[in-house]
Amino acid sequence: MKKDLHPKDYRAVIFEDSTSGKRFLIGSTVETSKTDKWDDGKEYPLYQVEISSASHPFYTGQAKTIDTAGRVDKFKKRAAAAKPKAAKKK
């Protein structure tokens, strides 16, 4: 393998799925500000993600609504406001 193939800031990083709690230790160059201990007792940079293969419906086979920023509620309000109101019969 070639030397100096990876960028200088390439290191092992813990990716934590905030929905399912599943954690993965993967090599990455992502910038992080938090650290946490892995199963081997060593401390690694920690990066939190909202969705991963552990919580995505395609991989889990379970459909569930993940609403971390209030997007579903905003959509429902817009959809309700867009519905035409039924006319009263005389």
PDB file of N, CA and C in Angstrom:
ATOM      1  N   MET A   1       0.845  -1.174   0.000  1.00  0.00           N
ATOM      2  CA  MET A   1       0.000   0.000   0.000  1.00  0.00           C
ATOM      3  C   MET A   1       0.891   1.239   0.000  1.00  0.00           C
ATOM      4  N   LYS A   2       0.428   2.272  -0.679  1.00  0.00           N
ATOM      5  CA  LYS A   2       1.201   3.507  -0.763  1.00  0.00           C
ATOM      6  C   LYS A   2       1.273   4.203   0.583  1.00  0.00           C
ATOM      7  N   LYS A   3       2.415   4.828   0.855  1.00  0.00           N
ATOM      8  CA  LYS A   3       2.564   5.628   2.073  1.00  0.00           C
ATOM      9  C   LYS A   3       1.891   6.979   1.867  1.00  0.00           C
ATOM     10  N   ASP A   4       1.444   7.571   2.983  1.00  0.00           N
ATOM     11  CA  ASP A   4       0.821   8.902   2.976  1.00  0.00           C
ATOM     12  C   ASP A   4      -0.374   8.976   2.024  1.00  0.00           C
ATOM     13  N   LEU A   5      -1.144   7.894   1.939  1.00  0.00           N
ATOM     14  CA  LEU A   5      -2.324   7.858   1.085  1.00  0.00           C
ATOM     15  C   LEU A   5      -3.497   8.600   1.725  1.00  0.00           C
ATOM     16  N   HIS A   6      -3.647   8.473   3.039  1.00  0.00           N
ATOM     17  CA  HIS A   6      -4.753   9.117   3.744  1.00  0.00           C
ATOM     18  C   HIS A   6      -4.362  10.541   4.171  1.00  0.00           C
ATOM     19  N   PRO A   7      -5.365  11.417   4.327  1.00  0.00           N
ATOM     20  CA  PRO A   7      -5.084  12.774   4.829  1.00  0.00           C
ATOM     21  C   PRO A   7      -4.477  12.721   6.231  1.00  0.00           C
ATOM     22  N   LYS A   8      -3.825  13.789   6.621  1.00  0.00           N
ATOM     23  CA  LYS A   8      -3.136  13.827   7.914  1.00  0.00           C
ATOM     24  C   LYS A   8      -4.091  13.729   9.099  1.00  0.00           C
ATOM     25  N   ASP A   9      -5.338  14.221   8.956  1.00  0.00           N
ATOM     26  CA  ASP A   9      -6.287  14.190  10.069  1.00  0.00           C
ATOM     27  C   ASP A   9      -7.172  12.933  10.057  1.00  0.00           C
ATOM     28  N   TYR A  10      -6.770  11.894   9.318  1.00  0.00           N
ATOM     29  CA  TYR A  10      -7.512  10.626   9.266  1.00  0.00           C
ATOM     30  C   TYR A  10      -7.231   9.846  10.550  1.00  0.00           C
ATOM     31  N   ARG A  11      -8.316   9.488  11.278  1.00  0.00           N
ATOM     32  CA  ARG A  11      -8.167   8.754  12.536  1.00  0.00           C
ATOM     33  C   ARG A  11      -9.449   7.988  12.817  1.00  0.00           C
ATOM     34  N   ALA A  12      -9.427   7.132  13.812  1.00  0.00           N
ATOM     35  CA  ALA A  12     -10.618   6.379  14.214  1.00  0.00           C
ATOM     36  C   ALA A  12     -11.572   7.324  14.946  1.00  0.00           C
ATOM     37  N   VAL A  13     -12.851   7.277  14.570  1.00  0.00           N
ATOM     38  CA  VAL A  13     -13.885   8.141  15.157  1.00  0.00           C
ATOM     39  C   VAL A  13     -15.084   7.276  15.524  1.00  0.00           C
ATOM     40  N   ILE A  14     -15.694   7.558  16.682  1.00  0.00           N
ATOM     41  CA  ILE A  14     -16.927   6.883  17.082  1.00  0.00           C
ATOM     42  C   ILE A  14     -18.097   7.659  16.486  1.00  0.00           C
ATOM     43  N   PHE A  15     -18.915   6.973  15.672  1.00  0.00           N
ATOM     44  CA  PHE A  15     -20.145   7.556  15.154  1.00  0.00           C
ATOM     45  C   PHE A  15     -21.280   6.971  15.973  1.00  0.00           C
ATOM     46  N   GLU A  16     -22.072   7.847  16.611  1.00  0.00           N
ATOM     47  CA  GLU A  16     -23.165   7.409  17.476  1.00  0.00           C
ATOM     48  C   GLU A  16     -24.494   7.831  16.870  1.00  0.00           C
ATOM     49  N   ASP A  17     -25.381   6.859  16.669  1.00  0.00           N
ATOM     50  CA  ASP A  17     -26.723   7.120  16.156  1.00  0.00           C
ATOM     51  C   ASP A  17     -27.578   7.588  17.330  1.00  0.00           C
ATOM     52  N   SER A  18     -28.018   8.845  17.304  1.00  0.00           N
ATOM     53  CA  SER A  18     -28.777   9.392  18.428  1.00  0.00           C
ATOM     54  C   SER A  18     -30.187   8.805  18.523  1.00  0.00           C
ATOM     55  N   THR A  19     -30.685   8.193  17.444  1.00  0.00           N
ATOM     56  CA  THR A  19     -32.012   7.586  17.459  1.00  0.00           C
ATOM     57  C   THR A  19     -32.002   6.213  18.116  1.00  0.00           C
ATOM     58  N   SER A  20     -31.051   5.375  17.713  1.00  0.00           N
ATOM     59  CA  SER A  20     -31.025   3.997  18.219  1.00  0.00           C
ATOM     60  C   SER A  20     -29.987   3.779  19.320  1.00  0.00           C
ATOM     61  N   GLY A  21     -29.012   4.672  19.438  1.00  0.00           N
ATOM     62  CA  GLY A  21     -27.964   4.500  20.432  1.00  0.00           C
ATOM     63  C   GLY A  21     -26.824   3.617  19.954  1.00  0.00           C
ATOM     64  N   LYS A  22     -26.911   3.078  18.750  1.00  0.00           N
ATOM     65  CA  LYS A  22     -25.871   2.216  18.189  1.00  0.00           C
ATOM     66  C   LYS A  22     -24.626   3.040  17.892  1.00  0.00           C
ATOM     67  N   ARG A  23     -23.456   2.449  18.126  1.00  0.00           N
ATOM     68  CA  ARG A  23     -22.190   3.146  17.912  1.00  0.00           C
ATOM     69  C   ARG A  23     -21.300   2.344  16.970  1.00  0.00           C
ATOM     70  N   PHE A  24     -20.567   3.060  16.111  1.00  0.00           N
ATOM     71  CA  PHE A  24     -19.663   2.457  15.147  1.00  0.00           C
ATOM     72  C   PHE A  24     -18.302   3.123  15.280  1.00  0.00           C
ATOM     73  N   LEU A  25     -17.230   2.354  15.218  1.00  0.00           N
ATOM     74  CA  LEU A  25     -15.867   2.903  15.223  1.00  0.00           C
ATOM     75  C   LEU A  25     -15.346   2.790  13.800  1.00  0.00           C
ATOM     76  N   ILE A  26     -15.166   3.955  13.150  1.00  0.00           N
ATOM     77  CA  ILE A  26     -14.817   4.004  11.735  1.00  0.00           C
ATOM     78  C   ILE A  26     -13.709   5.037  11.532  1.00  0.00           C
ATOM     79  N   GLY A  27     -12.828   4.785  10.585  1.00  0.00           N
ATOM     80  CA  GLY A  27     -11.817   5.762  10.219  1.00  0.00           C
ATOM     81  C   GLY A  27     -12.441   6.915   9.467  1.00  0.00           C
ATOM     82  N   SER A  28     -12.112   8.155   9.851  1.00  0.00           N
ATOM     83  CA  SER A  28     -12.731   9.324   9.234  1.00  0.00           C
ATOM     84  C   SER A  28     -11.872  10.568   9.441  1.00  0.00           C
ATOM     85  N   THR A  29     -12.178  11.610   8.662  1.00  0.00           N
ATOM     86  CA  THR A  29     -11.530  12.911   8.819  1.00  0.00           C
ATOM     87  C   THR A  29     -12.496  13.962   9.352  1.00  0.00           C
ATOM     88  N   VAL A  30     -13.691  13.541   9.785  1.00  0.00           N
ATOM     89  CA  VAL A  30     -14.713  14.473  10.264  1.00  0.00           C
ATOM     90  C   VAL A  30     -14.198  15.230  11.501  1.00  0.00           C
ATOM     91  N   GLU A  31     -14.551  16.528  11.565  1.00  0.00           N
ATOM     92  CA  GLU A  31     -14.138  17.340  12.713  1.00  0.00           C
ATOM     93  C   GLU A  31     -15.108  17.109  13.867  1.00  0.00           C
ATOM     94  N   THR A  32     -14.569  16.913  15.063  1.00  0.00           N
ATOM     95  CA  THR A  32     -15.395  16.665  16.243  1.00  0.00           C
ATOM     96  C   THR A  32     -14.920  17.526  17.402  1.00  0.00           C
ATOM     97  N   SER A  33     -15.817  17.731  18.363  1.00  0.00           N
ATOM     98  CA  SER A  33     -15.438  18.476  19.566  1.00  0.00           C
ATOM     99  C   SER A  33     -15.581  17.613  20.814  1.00  0.00           C
ATOM    100  N   LYS A  34     -16.292  16.473  20.696  1.00  0.00           N
ATOM    101  CA  LYS A  34     -16.511  15.590  21.840  1.00  0.00           C
ATOM    102  C   LYS A  34     -15.639  14.348  21.728  1.00  0.00           C
ATOM    103  N   THR A  35     -15.386  13.718  22.860  1.00  0.00           N
ATOM    104  CA  THR A  35     -14.690  12.433  22.889  1.00  0.00           C
ATOM    105  C   THR A  35     -15.439  11.489  23.813  1.00  0.00           C
ATOM    106  N   ASP A  36     -15.224  10.192  23.618  1.00  0.00           N
ATOM    107  CA  ASP A  36     -15.855   9.184  24.463  1.00  0.00           C
ATOM    108  C   ASP A  36     -15.008   7.920  24.419  1.00  0.00           C
ATOM    109  N   LYS A  37     -15.222   7.044  25.404  1.00  0.00           N
ATOM    110  CA  LYS A  37     -14.465   5.794  25.464  1.00  0.00           C
ATOM    111  C   LYS A  37     -15.172   4.716  24.655  1.00  0.00           C
ATOM    112  N   TRP A  38     -14.389   3.905  23.959  1.00  0.00           N
ATOM    113  CA  TRP A  38     -14.882   2.790  23.177  1.00  0.00           C
ATOM    114  C   TRP A  38     -14.756   1.523  24.006  1.00  0.00           C
ATOM    115  N   ASP A  39     -15.234   0.399  23.498  1.00  0.00           N
ATOM    116  CA  ASP A  39     -15.223  -0.866  24.222  1.00  0.00           C
ATOM    117  C   ASP A  39     -13.816  -1.327  24.618  1.00  0.00           C
ATOM    118  N   ASP A  40     -12.801  -0.902  23.866  1.00  0.00           N
ATOM    119  CA  ASP A  40     -11.433  -1.314  24.176  1.00  0.00           C
ATOM    120  C   ASP A  40     -10.791  -0.463  25.280  1.00  0.00           C
ATOM    121  N   GLY A  41     -11.540   0.515  25.819  1.00  0.00           N
ATOM    122  CA  GLY A  41     -11.047   1.356  26.896  1.00  0.00           C
ATOM    123  C   GLY A  41     -10.331   2.614  26.433  1.00  0.00           C
ATOM    124  N   LYS A  42     -10.057   2.731  25.139  1.00  0.00           N
ATOM    125  CA  LYS A  42      -9.376   3.911  24.600  1.00  0.00           C
ATOM    126  C   LYS A  42     -10.394   5.008  24.329  1.00  0.00           C
ATOM    127  N   GLU A  43      -9.924   6.252  24.358  1.00  0.00           N
ATOM    128  CA  GLU A  43     -10.785   7.406  24.104  1.00  0.00           C
ATOM    129  C   GLU A  43     -10.626   7.840  22.655  1.00  0.00           C
ATOM    130  N   TYR A  44     -11.759   8.027  21.978  1.00  0.00           N
ATOM    131  CA  TYR A  44     -11.780   8.423  20.571  1.00  0.00           C
ATOM    132  C   TYR A  44     -12.676   9.642  20.400  1.00  0.00           C
ATOM    133  N   PRO A  45     -12.482  10.397  19.300  1.00  0.00           N
ATOM    134  CA  PRO A  45     -13.415  11.486  18.991  1.00  0.00           C
ATOM    135  C   PRO A  45     -14.815  10.924  18.755  1.00  0.00           C
ATOM    136  N   LEU A  46     -15.839  11.681  19.135  1.00  0.00           N
ATOM    137  CA  LEU A  46     -17.229  11.244  19.011  1.00  0.00           C
ATOM    138  C   LEU A  46     -17.977  12.174  18.071  1.00  0.00           C
ATOM    139  N   TYR A  47     -18.711  11.586  17.114  1.00  0.00           N
ATOM    140  CA  TYR A  47     -19.544  12.347  16.185  1.00  0.00           C
ATOM    141  C   TYR A  47     -20.941  11.742  16.228  1.00  0.00           C
ATOM    142  N   GLN A  48     -21.959  12.579  16.507  1.00  0.00           N
ATOM    143  CA  GLN A  48     -23.332  12.083  16.612  1.00  0.00           C
ATOM    144  C   GLN A  48     -24.079  12.332  15.310  1.00  0.00           C
ATOM    145  N   VAL A  49     -24.809  11.286  14.864  1.00  0.00           N
ATOM    146  CA  VAL A  49     -25.619  11.376  13.651  1.00  0.00           C
ATOM    147  C   VAL A  49     -27.074  11.091  14.017  1.00  0.00           C
ATOM    148  N   GLU A  50     -28.016  11.639  13.245  1.00  0.00           N
ATOM    149  CA  GLU A  50     -29.439  11.438  13.528  1.00  0.00           C
ATOM    150  C   GLU A  50     -29.940  10.086  13.033  1.00  0.00           C
ATOM    151  N   ILE A  51     -29.334   9.580  11.958  1.00  0.00           N
ATOM    152  CA  ILE A  51     -29.816   8.325  11.381  1.00  0.00           C
ATOM    153  C   ILE A  51     -28.644   7.558  10.790  1.00  0.00           C
ATOM    154  N   SER A  52     -28.681   6.250  10.935  1.00  0.00           N
ATOM    155  CA  SER A  52     -27.653   5.369  10.375  1.00  0.00           C
ATOM    156  C   SER A  52     -28.329   4.079   9.935  1.00  0.00           C
ATOM    157  N   SER A  53     -27.533   3.100   9.557  1.00  0.00           N
ATOM    158  CA  SER A  53     -28.108   1.818   9.144  1.00  0.00           C
ATOM    159  C   SER A  53     -28.818   1.127  10.304  1.00  0.00           C
ATOM    160  N   ALA A  54     -28.502   1.510  11.536  1.00  0.00           N
ATOM    161  CA  ALA A  54     -29.143   0.902  12.707  1.00  0.00           C
ATOM    162  C   ALA A  54     -30.563   1.432  12.933  1.00  0.00           C
ATOM    163  N   SER A  55     -30.884   2.606  12.361  1.00  0.00           N
ATOM    164  CA  SER A  55     -32.220   3.171  12.584  1.00  0.00           C
ATOM    165  C   SER A  55     -32.978   3.492  11.299  1.00  0.00           C
ATOM    166  N   HIS A  56     -32.330   3.385  10.140  1.00  0.00           N
ATOM    167  CA  HIS A  56     -32.999   3.711   8.884  1.00  0.00           C
ATOM    168  C   HIS A  56     -34.009   2.617   8.521  1.00  0.00           C
ATOM    169  N   PRO A  57     -35.246   3.001   8.149  1.00  0.00           N
ATOM    170  CA  PRO A  57     -36.290   2.008   7.846  1.00  0.00           C
ATOM    171  C   PRO A  57     -35.910   1.029   6.740  1.00  0.00           C
ATOM    172  N   PHE A  58     -35.104   1.436   5.784  1.00  0.00           N
ATOM    173  CA  PHE A  58     -34.701   0.537   4.705  1.00  0.00           C
ATOM    174  C   PHE A  58     -33.925  -0.656   5.253  1.00  0.00           C
ATOM    175  N   TYR A  59     -33.057  -0.420   6.218  1.00  0.00           N
ATOM    176  CA  TYR A  59     -32.225  -1.491   6.782  1.00  0.00           C
ATOM    177  C   TYR A  59     -32.920  -2.239   7.918  1.00  0.00           C
ATOM    178  N   THR A  60     -33.775  -1.568   8.670  1.00  0.00           N
ATOM    179  CA  THR A  60     -34.415  -2.207   9.818  1.00  0.00           C
ATOM    180  C   THR A  60     -35.725  -2.891   9.446  1.00  0.00           C
ATOM    181  N   GLY A  61     -36.355  -2.456   8.351  1.00  0.00           N
ATOM    182  CA  GLY A  61     -37.632  -3.023   7.953  1.00  0.00           C
ATOM    183  C   GLY A  61     -38.794  -2.489   8.772  1.00  0.00           C
ATOM    184  N   GLN A  62     -38.547  -1.488   9.598  1.00  0.00           N
ATOM    185  CA  GLN A  62     -39.578  -0.891  10.431  1.00  0.00           C
ATOM    186  C   GLN A  62     -39.714   0.580  10.067  1.00  0.00           C
ATOM    187  N   ALA A  63     -40.937   0.982   9.741  1.00  0.00           N
ATOM    188  CA  ALA A  63     -41.182   2.380   9.423  1.00  0.00           C
ATOM    189  C   ALA A  63     -41.538   3.114  10.698  1.00  0.00           C
ATOM    190  N   LYS A  64     -40.791   4.178  10.999  1.00  0.00           N
ATOM    191  CA  LYS A  64     -41.125   5.012  12.142  1.00  0.00           C
ATOM    192  C   LYS A  64     -40.775   6.453  11.803  1.00  0.00           C
ATOM    193  N   THR A  65     -41.487   7.366  12.402  1.00  0.00           N
ATOM    194  CA  THR A  65     -41.279   8.777  12.140  1.00  0.00           C
ATOM    195  C   THR A  65     -40.220   9.319  13.083  1.00  0.00           C
ATOM    196  N   ILE A  66     -39.166   9.856  12.494  1.00  0.00           N
ATOM    197  CA  ILE A  66     -38.096  10.467  13.284  1.00  0.00           C
ATOM    198  C   ILE A  66     -38.193  11.968  13.061  1.00  0.00           C
ATOM    199  N   ASP A  67     -38.526  12.704  14.092  1.00  0.00           N
ATOM    200  CA  ASP A  67     -38.741  14.137  13.968  1.00  0.00           C
ATOM    201  C   ASP A  67     -37.903  14.851  15.008  1.00  0.00           C
ATOM    202  N   THR A  68     -36.688  15.219  14.622  1.00  0.00           N
ATOM    203  CA  THR A  68     -35.807  15.884  15.576  1.00  0.00           C
ATOM    204  C   THR A  68     -35.874  17.398  15.467  1.00  0.00           C
ATOM    205  N   ALA A  69     -36.449  17.906  14.380  1.00  0.00           N
ATOM    206  CA  ALA A  69     -36.468  19.356  14.201  1.00  0.00           C
ATOM    207  C   ALA A  69     -37.874  19.904  14.006  1.00  0.00           C
ATOM    208  N   GLY A  70     -38.907  19.129  14.309  1.00  0.00           N
ATOM    209  CA  GLY A  70     -40.272  19.609  14.192  1.00  0.00           C
ATOM    210  C   GLY A  70     -40.781  19.677  12.763  1.00  0.00           C
ATOM    211  N   ARG A  71     -40.132  18.972  11.842  1.00  0.00           N
ATOM    212  CA  ARG A  71     -40.512  19.047  10.430  1.00  0.00           C
ATOM    213  C   ARG A  71     -41.865  18.404  10.166  1.00  0.00           C
ATOM    214  N   VAL A  72     -42.167  17.312  10.853  1.00  0.00           N
ATOM    215  CA  VAL A  72     -43.439  16.619  10.624  1.00  0.00           C
ATOM    216  C   VAL A  72     -44.603  17.503  11.056  1.00  0.00           C
ATOM    217  N   ASP A  73     -44.495  18.131  12.221  1.00  0.00           N
ATOM    218  CA  ASP A  73     -45.561  19.019  12.693  1.00  0.00           C
ATOM    219  C   ASP A  73     -45.772  20.192  11.735  1.00  0.00           C
ATOM    220  N   LYS A  74     -44.683  20.770  11.238  1.00  0.00           N
ATOM    221  CA  LYS A  74     -44.803  21.882  10.297  1.00  0.00           C
ATOM    222  C   LYS A  74     -45.521  21.433   9.027  1.00  0.00           C
ATOM    223  N   PHE A  75     -45.169  20.234   8.546  1.00  0.00           N
ATOM    224  CA  PHE A  75     -45.820  19.718   7.348  1.00  0.00           C
ATOM    225  C   PHE A  75     -47.312  19.491   7.578  1.00  0.00           C
ATOM    226  N   LYS A  76     -47.669  18.909   8.707  1.00  0.00           N
ATOM    227  CA  LYS A  76     -49.078  18.644   9.004  1.00  0.00           C
ATOM    228  C   LYS A  76     -49.875  19.940   9.089  1.00  0.00           C
ATOM    229  N   LYS A  77     -49.288  20.986   9.663  1.00  0.00           N
ATOM    230  CA  LYS A  77     -49.972  22.279   9.745  1.00  0.00           C
ATOM    231  C   LYS A  77     -50.186  22.867   8.356  1.00  0.00           C
ATOM    232  N   ARG A  78     -49.163  22.787   7.498  1.00  0.00           N
ATOM    233  CA  ARG A  78     -49.307  23.312   6.137  1.00  0.00           C
ATOM    234  C   ARG A  78     -50.342  22.519   5.356  1.00  0.00           C
ATOM    235  N   ALA A  79     -50.339  21.199   5.520  1.00  0.00           N
ATOM    236  CA  ALA A  79     -51.296  20.352   4.804  1.00  0.00           C
ATOM    237  C   ALA A  79     -52.719  20.640   5.270  1.00  0.00           C
ATOM    238  N   ALA A  80     -52.917  20.852   6.566  1.00  0.00           N
ATOM    239  CA  ALA A  80     -54.253  21.153   7.089  1.00  0.00           C
ATOM    240  C   ALA A  80     -54.729  22.513   6.597  1.00  0.00           C
ATOM    241  N   ALA A  81     -53.828  23.482   6.499  1.00  0.00           N
ATOM    242  CA  ALA A  81     -54.201  24.816   6.043  1.00  0.00           C
ATOM    243  C   ALA A  81     -54.502  24.810   4.539  1.00  0.00           C
ATOM    244  N   ALA A  82     -53.900  23.918   3.795  1.00  0.00           N
ATOM    245  CA  ALA A  82     -54.093  23.870   2.352  1.00  0.00           C
ATOM    246  C   ALA A  82     -55.370  23.166   1.935  1.00  0.00           C
ATOM    247  N   LYS A  83     -55.985  22.389   2.826  1.00  0.00           N
ATOM    248  CA  LYS A  83     -57.209  21.672   2.491  1.00  0.00           C
ATOM    249  C   LYS A  83     -58.354  22.682   2.304  1.00  0.00           C
ATOM    250  N   PRO A  84     -59.140  22.509   1.240  1.00  0.00           N
ATOM    251  CA  PRO A  84     -60.273  23.437   1.062  1.00  0.00           C
ATOM    252  C   PRO A  84     -61.345  23.127   2.099  1.00  0.00           C
ATOM    253  N   LYS A  85     -61.965  24.188   2.602  1.00  0.00           N
ATOM    254  CA  LYS A  85     -63.003  24.014   3.613  1.00  0.00           C
ATOM    255  C   LYS A  85     -64.300  23.599   2.929  1.00  0.00           C
ATOM    256  N   ALA A  86     -65.008  22.692   3.522  1.00  0.00           N
ATOM    257  CA  ALA A  86     -66.280  22.200   2.945  1.00  0.00           C
ATOM    258  C   ALA A  86     -67.335  23.291   3.018  1.00  0.00           C
ATOM    259  N   ALA A  87     -68.074  23.449   1.942  1.00  0.00           N
ATOM    260  CA  ALA A  87     -69.140  24.463   1.900  1.00  0.00           C
ATOM    261  C   ALA A  87     -70.350  23.931   2.644  1.00  0.00           C
ATOM    262  N   LYS A  88     -71.047  24.826   3.342  1.00  0.00           N
ATOM    263  CA  LYS A  88     -72.253  24.436   4.091  1.00  0.00           C
ATOM    264  C   LYS A  88     -73.422  24.304   3.137  1.00  0.00           C
ATOM    265  N   LYS A  89     -74.244  23.287   3.356  1.00  0.00           N
ATOM    266  CA  LYS A  89     -75.443  23.088   2.547  1.00  0.00           C
ATOM    267  C   LYS A  89     -76.602  23.895   3.128  1.00  0.00           C
ATOM    268  N   LYS A  90     -77.450  24.456   2.278  1.00  0.00           N
ATOM    269  CA  LYS A  90     -78.600  25.236   2.748  1.00  0.00           C
ATOM    270  C   LYS A  90     -79.834  24.409   2.797  1.00  0.00           C
TER     271      LYS A  90
END
